[in-house]
Amino acid sequence: MTGNTPASPWDELPVRDELRGKSPYGAPQLDVPVRLNTNENPYPLPEPLVERIAERVREAARGLNRYPDRDAVELRTRLAEYLTRTSGHLLGPENVWAANGSNEVIQQLLQTFGGPGRTAMGFEPSYSMHGLIARGTGTGWIPGPRGEDFTIDVAAAERAIAAHRPDVVFITSPNNPTGTAVPPGTVLALYEAAQAAKPSMVVVDEAYIEFSHGESLLPLLEGRPRLVVSRTMSKAFGAAGLRLGYLAAHPAVVDAVQLVRLPYHLSAVTQATALAALEHTDTLLGYVEALKSERDRLVAELRALGYEVTESDANFVQFGRFADAHEVWRQILDRGVLVRDNGVPGWLRVTAGTPQENDAFLDAVRDLKKEQSA
């Protein structure tokens, strides 16, 4: 190859065409004093819960020579009880499925209802893993429109669904990275549009719903067999390291996704840990209330400093606008605080942390404002 540009290692591999040139999902993991870029719950698990996890894992460890409960019946029962208690919508274990993080839930849904020759649509900017997982499952990805205020324009979305007739439609509420929640009326309108066009599966991603000012969309499941609501224990439960996501849907959906699940996909240790966490929901949701208060403080303080801030129903805040968002991201990082540059032109995103972490962030942006006005 003398005189030629060396070939990329990718060129030697038979990688699928739709994956070439793409980047894997990920946020910078940098060693800085304050990390507010990945929407983690900043509060460690309370000691009584840590002890209960140890007890349950110790019990599970005695049977690790055997495969775990393949269908995670006890876990699904407890998750259904939690959803029923917090939403008022009656659900049983037959309505719930659990997997390794909500990303595996999304993957299983796309393996079941998407795939080669089929398409999925999401309204961007939104959670980028929807599109990445779609491509990974061979599902064509169609970006749908949002308004200037980052809300879903119902008429424009209905037209996009009618034109493209996707097999799966994703609605993220509250939306990541903007923080905006989706009204029930919008979900109902898009569900009806999807049924008229195909009919299609509609997946409502409620990863941040516990932080919302409003209520869950779970009651909309009634009478809508092609509607799915996905959740996670990573955010409100402060269990990002657990990797436990779940969905609620018609029992037929739960049966269908089991056609693509890997055998014994949820380890006995994962199930034991999640069950312990569900015993402490009241304590964990108390932390959520504290984070909601801190999020609202961030919104108020940022607006007082002259920044634009989108309405947030999540545990993060999108703020701007900047001529060069990445440069502002770097300048905040230089002050010891890591926030997220999601690639939305002119905007950055900050996770609500502890009061001390949020103070450090606000001090950094105040200092930046002073420097810019000097």
Protein backbone atom coordinates (compact mmCIF):
# COMPACT_ATOMS: atom_id res chain seq x y z
CA MET A 1 0.00 0.00 0.00
CA THR A 2 3.00 2.26 -0.51
CA GLY A 3 1.93 5.79 -1.43
CA ASN A 4 -1.68 5.19 -0.38
CA THR A 5 -3.52 6.26 2.75
CA PRO A 6 -3.57 3.32 5.18
CA ALA A 7 -6.92 1.58 5.28
CA SER A 8 -9.05 1.89 8.40
CA PRO A 9 -9.39 -1.35 10.38
CA TRP A 10 -13.12 -0.98 9.71
CA ASP A 11 -12.44 -1.40 6.00
CA GLU A 12 -11.23 -4.93 6.65
CA LEU A 13 -14.41 -5.96 8.47
CA PRO A 14 -17.76 -6.91 6.89
CA VAL A 15 -19.64 -4.41 9.07
CA ARG A 16 -23.22 -3.74 8.01
CA ASP A 17 -23.48 -0.65 5.82
CA GLU A 18 -25.96 1.15 8.12
CA LEU A 19 -23.43 0.97 10.98
CA ARG A 20 -20.46 2.36 9.09
CA GLY A 21 -19.48 5.89 10.09
CA LYS A 22 -21.64 5.81 13.23
CA SER A 23 -20.38 6.45 16.77
CA PRO A 24 -21.30 4.41 19.84
CA TYR A 25 -23.46 5.98 22.51
CA GLY A 26 -21.62 7.47 25.44
CA ALA A 27 -20.91 10.52 27.55
CA PRO A 28 -17.43 11.63 28.68
CA GLN A 29 -16.34 9.94 31.90
CA LEU A 30 -13.86 12.48 33.17
CA ASP A 31 -12.25 12.78 36.60
CA VAL A 32 -13.59 16.17 37.69
CA PRO A 33 -14.89 17.44 41.06
CA VAL A 34 -18.52 17.71 39.91
CA ARG A 35 -20.10 15.40 37.32
CA LEU A 36 -23.54 16.49 36.16
CA ASN A 37 -23.66 15.01 32.67
CA THR A 38 -25.34 11.59 32.81
CA ASN A 39 -28.61 12.18 34.70
CA GLU A 40 -27.63 9.89 37.54
CA ASN A 41 -29.28 10.19 40.94
CA PRO A 42 -26.53 11.79 43.07
CA TYR A 43 -27.63 10.24 46.34
CA PRO A 44 -26.07 6.91 47.39
CA LEU A 45 -28.48 4.18 48.42
CA PRO A 46 -29.46 4.43 52.11
CA GLU A 47 -27.62 2.07 54.43
CA PRO A 48 -30.71 0.01 55.38
CA LEU A 49 -31.25 -0.71 51.68
CA VAL A 50 -27.59 -1.59 51.20
CA GLU A 51 -27.93 -4.10 54.05
CA ARG A 52 -31.12 -5.53 52.57
CA ILE A 53 -29.43 -5.92 49.18
CA ALA A 54 -26.60 -7.79 50.87
CA GLU A 55 -29.09 -10.12 52.54
CA ARG A 56 -31.00 -10.85 49.35
CA VAL A 57 -27.83 -11.30 47.28
CA ARG A 58 -26.37 -13.61 49.94
CA GLU A 59 -29.52 -15.72 49.74
CA ALA A 60 -29.38 -15.73 45.92
CA ALA A 61 -25.69 -16.66 45.97
CA ARG A 62 -26.51 -19.99 47.57
CA GLY A 63 -28.29 -20.98 44.39
CA LEU A 64 -25.92 -19.56 41.77
CA ASN A 65 -25.13 -23.07 40.56
CA ARG A 66 -28.64 -23.01 39.10
CA TYR A 67 -30.11 -20.72 36.45
CA PRO A 68 -32.22 -17.81 37.74
CA ASP A 69 -35.98 -17.58 37.40
CA ARG A 70 -36.20 -17.25 33.64
CA ASP A 71 -39.45 -15.28 33.76
CA ALA A 72 -38.60 -13.16 36.85
CA VAL A 73 -42.12 -13.70 38.16
CA GLU A 74 -41.55 -12.31 41.67
CA LEU A 75 -39.80 -9.23 40.32
CA ARG A 76 -42.52 -8.58 37.74
CA THR A 77 -45.16 -8.97 40.44
CA ARG A 78 -43.47 -6.39 42.67
CA LEU A 79 -42.95 -4.00 39.75
CA ALA A 80 -46.64 -4.31 38.86
CA GLU A 81 -47.55 -3.50 42.46
CA TYR A 82 -45.30 -0.43 42.40
CA LEU A 83 -46.80 0.82 39.14
CA THR A 84 -50.34 0.23 40.37
CA ARG A 85 -49.68 2.05 43.64
CA THR A 86 -48.03 5.08 42.05
CA SER A 87 -50.23 5.45 38.95
CA GLY A 88 -53.62 4.23 40.13
CA HIS A 89 -53.81 1.98 37.06
CA LEU A 90 -54.25 -1.69 37.98
CA LEU A 91 -51.52 -3.91 36.54
CA GLY A 92 -50.48 -7.49 37.17
CA PRO A 93 -47.28 -9.42 36.44
CA GLU A 94 -48.75 -10.44 33.09
CA ASN A 95 -48.58 -6.76 32.07
CA VAL A 96 -44.92 -6.26 33.02
CA TRP A 97 -41.62 -7.39 31.52
CA ALA A 98 -38.13 -6.64 32.87
CA ALA A 99 -34.69 -6.60 31.26
CA ASN A 100 -31.14 -5.26 31.68
CA GLY A 101 -31.91 -1.57 31.62
CA SER A 102 -34.61 0.14 29.57
CA ASN A 103 -32.22 -0.03 26.62
CA GLU A 104 -32.60 -3.83 26.51
CA VAL A 105 -36.35 -3.36 26.78
CA ILE A 106 -36.20 -1.08 23.72
CA GLN A 107 -33.94 -3.55 21.92
CA GLN A 108 -36.34 -6.42 22.56
CA LEU A 109 -39.29 -4.34 21.35
CA LEU A 110 -37.47 -3.48 18.13
CA GLN A 111 -36.35 -7.08 17.64
CA THR A 112 -39.98 -8.11 17.98
CA PHE A 113 -41.82 -5.37 16.12
CA GLY A 114 -39.07 -3.82 13.99
CA GLY A 115 -36.20 -5.43 12.10
CA PRO A 116 -35.17 -5.61 8.44
CA GLY A 117 -37.75 -4.13 6.11
CA ARG A 118 -39.45 -2.26 8.95
CA THR A 119 -39.05 1.27 10.30
CA ALA A 120 -39.23 3.20 13.57
CA MET A 121 -39.86 6.91 14.13
CA GLY A 122 -38.91 9.24 16.99
CA PHE A 123 -39.27 12.99 17.38
CA GLU A 124 -35.84 14.61 17.53
CA PRO A 125 -34.01 15.86 19.45
CA SER A 126 -34.77 12.97 21.75
CA TYR A 127 -33.06 9.98 23.34
CA SER A 128 -30.42 9.02 20.78
CA MET A 129 -30.43 5.34 21.77
CA HIS A 130 -33.79 4.87 20.10
CA GLY A 131 -32.19 5.47 16.71
CA LEU A 132 -28.99 3.61 17.59
CA ILE A 133 -30.84 0.52 18.75
CA ALA A 134 -33.08 0.71 15.70
CA ARG A 135 -30.03 0.56 13.42
CA GLY A 136 -28.54 -2.21 15.54
CA THR A 137 -31.64 -4.34 15.01
CA GLY A 138 -31.76 -3.61 11.27
CA THR A 139 -34.76 -1.31 11.69
CA GLY A 140 -34.86 1.78 9.49
CA TRP A 141 -34.86 5.01 11.51
CA ILE A 142 -37.01 8.02 10.60
CA PRO A 143 -36.51 11.30 12.54
CA GLY A 144 -39.81 13.02 13.19
CA PRO A 145 -40.33 16.78 13.69
CA ARG A 146 -40.44 18.90 16.85
CA GLY A 147 -41.42 22.54 17.23
CA GLU A 148 -39.06 25.42 17.97
CA ASP A 149 -39.95 25.06 21.66
CA PHE A 150 -39.02 21.33 21.50
CA THR A 151 -42.62 20.17 21.98
CA ILE A 152 -44.26 17.77 19.53
CA ASP A 153 -46.34 19.58 16.93
CA VAL A 154 -49.28 17.18 16.74
CA ALA A 155 -50.37 18.10 13.22
CA ALA A 156 -46.81 17.83 11.85
CA ALA A 157 -46.26 14.53 13.67
CA GLU A 158 -49.53 13.12 12.35
CA ARG A 159 -48.50 14.05 8.82
CA ALA A 160 -45.10 12.39 9.28
CA ILE A 161 -46.70 9.19 10.58
CA ALA A 162 -49.18 9.13 7.70
CA ALA A 163 -46.41 9.71 5.14
CA HIS A 164 -43.87 7.19 6.46
CA ARG A 165 -46.15 4.59 8.11
CA PRO A 166 -43.55 3.46 10.66
CA ASP A 167 -43.91 0.10 12.39
CA VAL A 168 -42.82 1.55 15.76
CA VAL A 169 -43.30 5.10 17.06
CA PHE A 170 -41.30 6.37 20.05
CA ILE A 171 -42.58 9.14 22.32
CA THR A 172 -40.25 10.20 25.14
CA SER A 173 -41.96 11.80 28.13
CA PRO A 174 -40.31 13.61 29.80
CA ASN A 175 -38.12 14.08 26.79
CA ASN A 176 -34.34 13.69 26.94
CA PRO A 177 -32.43 16.02 26.45
CA THR A 178 -35.02 18.81 26.56
CA GLY A 179 -36.89 17.78 29.73
CA THR A 180 -40.34 18.50 28.30
CA ALA A 181 -43.25 16.20 29.15
CA VAL A 182 -45.79 15.11 26.55
CA PRO A 183 -49.48 15.75 27.30
CA PRO A 184 -51.81 12.72 27.27
CA GLY A 185 -53.80 14.25 24.44
CA THR A 186 -50.71 14.29 22.23
CA VAL A 187 -50.00 10.63 22.93
CA LEU A 188 -53.59 9.70 22.17
CA ALA A 189 -53.53 11.64 18.90
CA LEU A 190 -50.28 10.00 17.77
CA TYR A 191 -51.50 6.56 18.81
CA GLU A 192 -54.62 7.00 16.69
CA ALA A 193 -52.52 8.28 13.78
CA ALA A 194 -50.21 5.26 14.07
CA GLN A 195 -53.15 2.85 14.08
CA ALA A 196 -54.65 4.51 11.02
CA ALA A 197 -51.35 4.41 9.13
CA LYS A 198 -50.21 0.82 9.71
CA PRO A 199 -51.26 -0.09 12.47
CA SER A 200 -48.07 0.44 14.52
CA MET A 201 -46.65 -0.09 17.99
CA VAL A 202 -46.31 3.10 20.05
CA VAL A 203 -43.68 3.11 22.81
CA VAL A 204 -43.78 5.80 25.49
CA ASP A 205 -40.36 6.06 27.15
CA GLU A 206 -40.96 7.21 30.74
CA ALA A 207 -37.41 6.92 32.08
CA TYR A 208 -37.80 10.19 34.04
CA ILE A 209 -41.50 10.11 34.90
CA GLU A 210 -41.02 10.08 38.69
CA PHE A 211 -39.51 13.58 38.39
CA SER A 212 -42.45 14.96 36.41
CA HIS A 213 -44.87 17.66 37.52
CA GLY A 214 -47.64 15.63 35.90
CA GLU A 215 -48.78 12.04 36.05
CA SER A 216 -47.71 8.89 34.26
CA LEU A 217 -49.27 7.92 30.96
CA LEU A 218 -49.80 4.36 32.21
CA PRO A 219 -53.61 4.75 32.40
CA LEU A 220 -53.61 5.21 28.62
CA LEU A 221 -52.77 1.50 28.28
CA GLU A 222 -56.41 0.63 28.92
CA GLY A 223 -57.99 -0.52 25.65
CA ARG A 224 -54.83 0.15 23.61
CA PRO A 225 -53.07 -3.18 22.95
CA ARG A 226 -50.35 -1.61 20.78
CA LEU A 227 -49.26 0.95 23.39
CA VAL A 228 -46.20 0.25 25.56
CA VAL A 229 -44.78 2.27 28.47
CA SER A 230 -41.11 1.67 29.34
CA ARG A 231 -39.47 2.57 32.66
CA THR A 232 -36.11 2.26 34.44
CA MET A 233 -34.75 1.90 37.98
CA SER A 234 -31.62 3.86 37.01
CA LYS A 235 -32.97 7.34 37.74
CA ALA A 236 -35.58 7.67 40.49
CA PHE A 237 -34.38 4.54 42.27
CA GLY A 238 -30.76 5.72 42.24
CA ALA A 239 -29.73 2.36 40.77
CA ALA A 240 -27.93 3.18 37.52
CA GLY A 241 -25.37 0.48 38.32
CA LEU A 242 -28.10 -2.15 38.68
CA ARG A 243 -29.18 -2.02 35.02
CA LEU A 244 -32.86 -2.83 35.44
CA GLY A 245 -35.52 -1.59 33.05
CA TYR A 246 -39.08 -2.73 32.51
CA LEU A 247 -42.19 -2.19 30.43
CA ALA A 248 -45.93 -2.21 31.01
CA ALA A 249 -48.26 -3.29 28.23
CA HIS A 250 -51.00 -5.67 27.16
CA PRO A 251 -50.13 -9.28 28.12
CA ALA A 252 -49.81 -10.16 24.44
CA VAL A 253 -46.88 -7.70 24.13
CA VAL A 254 -45.19 -9.30 27.15
CA ASP A 255 -45.61 -12.71 25.54
CA ALA A 256 -44.28 -11.46 22.21
CA VAL A 257 -41.03 -9.96 23.51
CA GLN A 258 -40.18 -13.25 25.17
CA LEU A 259 -39.67 -14.68 21.68
CA VAL A 260 -36.45 -12.64 21.36
CA ARG A 261 -35.17 -12.48 24.93
CA LEU A 262 -31.95 -14.32 25.63
CA PRO A 263 -32.31 -17.34 27.93
CA TYR A 264 -32.09 -16.40 31.61
CA HIS A 265 -31.28 -12.82 30.64
CA LEU A 266 -31.78 -11.38 34.16
CA SER A 267 -29.27 -12.77 36.64
CA ALA A 268 -30.31 -13.95 40.10
CA VAL A 269 -28.18 -11.17 41.58
CA THR A 270 -29.94 -8.50 39.48
CA GLN A 271 -33.35 -9.81 40.46
CA ALA A 272 -32.43 -9.96 44.14
CA THR A 273 -31.06 -6.41 44.13
CA ALA A 274 -34.09 -5.00 42.34
CA LEU A 275 -36.45 -6.73 44.76
CA ALA A 276 -34.58 -5.21 47.69
CA ALA A 277 -34.85 -1.73 46.14
CA LEU A 278 -38.59 -2.15 45.65
CA GLU A 279 -38.92 -2.73 49.39
CA HIS A 280 -37.61 0.83 49.96
CA THR A 281 -39.59 2.80 47.37
CA ASP A 282 -40.91 5.37 49.87
CA THR A 283 -37.39 6.31 50.97
CA LEU A 284 -36.07 6.44 47.42
CA LEU A 285 -38.98 8.55 46.19
CA GLY A 286 -38.21 10.97 49.02
CA TYR A 287 -34.87 11.61 47.33
CA VAL A 288 -36.80 12.30 44.12
CA GLU A 289 -38.71 15.11 45.84
CA ALA A 290 -35.41 16.68 46.93
CA LEU A 291 -34.07 16.47 43.36
CA LYS A 292 -37.23 18.03 41.93
CA SER A 293 -36.73 20.98 44.26
CA GLU A 294 -33.10 21.30 43.17
CA ARG A 295 -34.08 21.07 39.50
CA ASP A 296 -36.57 23.89 39.95
CA ARG A 297 -33.87 25.92 41.70
CA LEU A 298 -31.53 25.41 38.73
CA VAL A 299 -34.25 26.59 36.34
CA ALA A 300 -34.92 29.72 38.38
CA GLU A 301 -31.24 30.58 38.89
CA LEU A 302 -30.30 30.03 35.25
CA ARG A 303 -33.16 32.21 34.06
CA ALA A 304 -32.17 34.89 36.55
CA LEU A 305 -28.70 34.85 34.99
CA GLY A 306 -30.23 35.50 31.57
CA TYR A 307 -30.09 32.00 30.10
CA GLU A 308 -32.93 30.43 28.14
CA VAL A 309 -34.20 27.29 29.84
CA THR A 310 -36.69 24.77 28.48
CA GLU A 311 -39.43 23.60 30.85
CA SER A 312 -38.23 20.47 32.66
CA ASP A 313 -40.16 17.54 34.07
CA ALA A 314 -37.00 15.47 34.48
CA ASN A 315 -33.93 15.48 36.76
CA PHE A 316 -32.00 17.68 34.32
CA VAL A 317 -32.25 21.09 32.72
CA GLN A 318 -31.51 22.17 29.14
CA PHE A 319 -30.14 25.70 28.96
CA GLY A 320 -28.72 28.07 26.33
CA ARG A 321 -28.58 29.60 23.87
CA PHE A 322 -24.96 29.72 22.83
CA ALA A 323 -23.23 30.59 19.59
CA ASP A 324 -20.77 27.78 20.33
CA ALA A 325 -22.24 25.35 22.86
CA HIS A 326 -19.21 23.08 22.88
CA GLU A 327 -16.90 25.95 23.74
CA VAL A 328 -19.13 26.92 26.68
CA TRP A 329 -19.15 23.24 27.72
CA ARG A 330 -15.34 23.35 27.76
CA GLN A 331 -15.26 26.57 29.75
CA ILE A 332 -17.59 25.10 32.38
CA LEU A 333 -15.41 21.98 32.46
CA ASP A 334 -12.35 24.19 33.05
CA ARG A 335 -14.12 25.32 36.21
CA GLY A 336 -14.38 21.75 37.50
CA VAL A 337 -17.95 20.95 36.43
CA LEU A 338 -18.89 18.42 33.75
CA VAL A 339 -22.22 19.00 31.99
CA ARG A 340 -23.53 17.43 28.77
CA ASP A 341 -23.11 18.66 25.23
CA ASN A 342 -25.80 16.59 23.55
CA GLY A 343 -25.25 18.07 20.14
CA VAL A 344 -28.46 20.13 20.18
CA PRO A 345 -27.26 23.33 18.46
CA GLY A 346 -26.95 26.18 20.94
CA TRP A 347 -27.90 24.19 24.05
CA LEU A 348 -26.31 22.28 26.95
CA ARG A 349 -27.82 20.00 29.58
CA VAL A 350 -27.07 19.84 33.31
CA THR A 351 -28.21 17.10 35.69
CA ALA A 352 -29.72 18.14 39.01
CA GLY A 353 -27.21 17.06 41.65
CA THR A 354 -26.89 17.59 45.37
CA PRO A 355 -27.27 21.18 46.64
CA GLN A 356 -23.47 21.41 46.90
CA GLU A 357 -22.96 20.14 43.35
CA ASN A 358 -25.58 22.51 42.01
CA ASP A 359 -23.95 25.40 43.86
CA ALA A 360 -20.65 24.55 42.18
CA PHE A 361 -22.33 24.51 38.77
CA LEU A 362 -24.11 27.82 39.37
CA ASP A 363 -20.88 29.39 40.60
CA ALA A 364 -19.19 28.21 37.39
CA VAL A 365 -21.81 29.74 35.09
CA ARG A 366 -21.90 32.97 37.12
CA ASP A 367 -18.13 33.23 36.79
CA LEU A 368 -18.44 32.56 33.07
CA LYS A 369 -21.05 35.30 32.74
CA LYS A 370 -18.79 37.77 34.50
CA GLU A 371 -15.88 36.86 32.27
CA GLN A 372 -18.00 37.30 29.14
CA SER A 373 -19.28 40.71 30.26
CA ALA A 374 -15.87 42.02 31.37
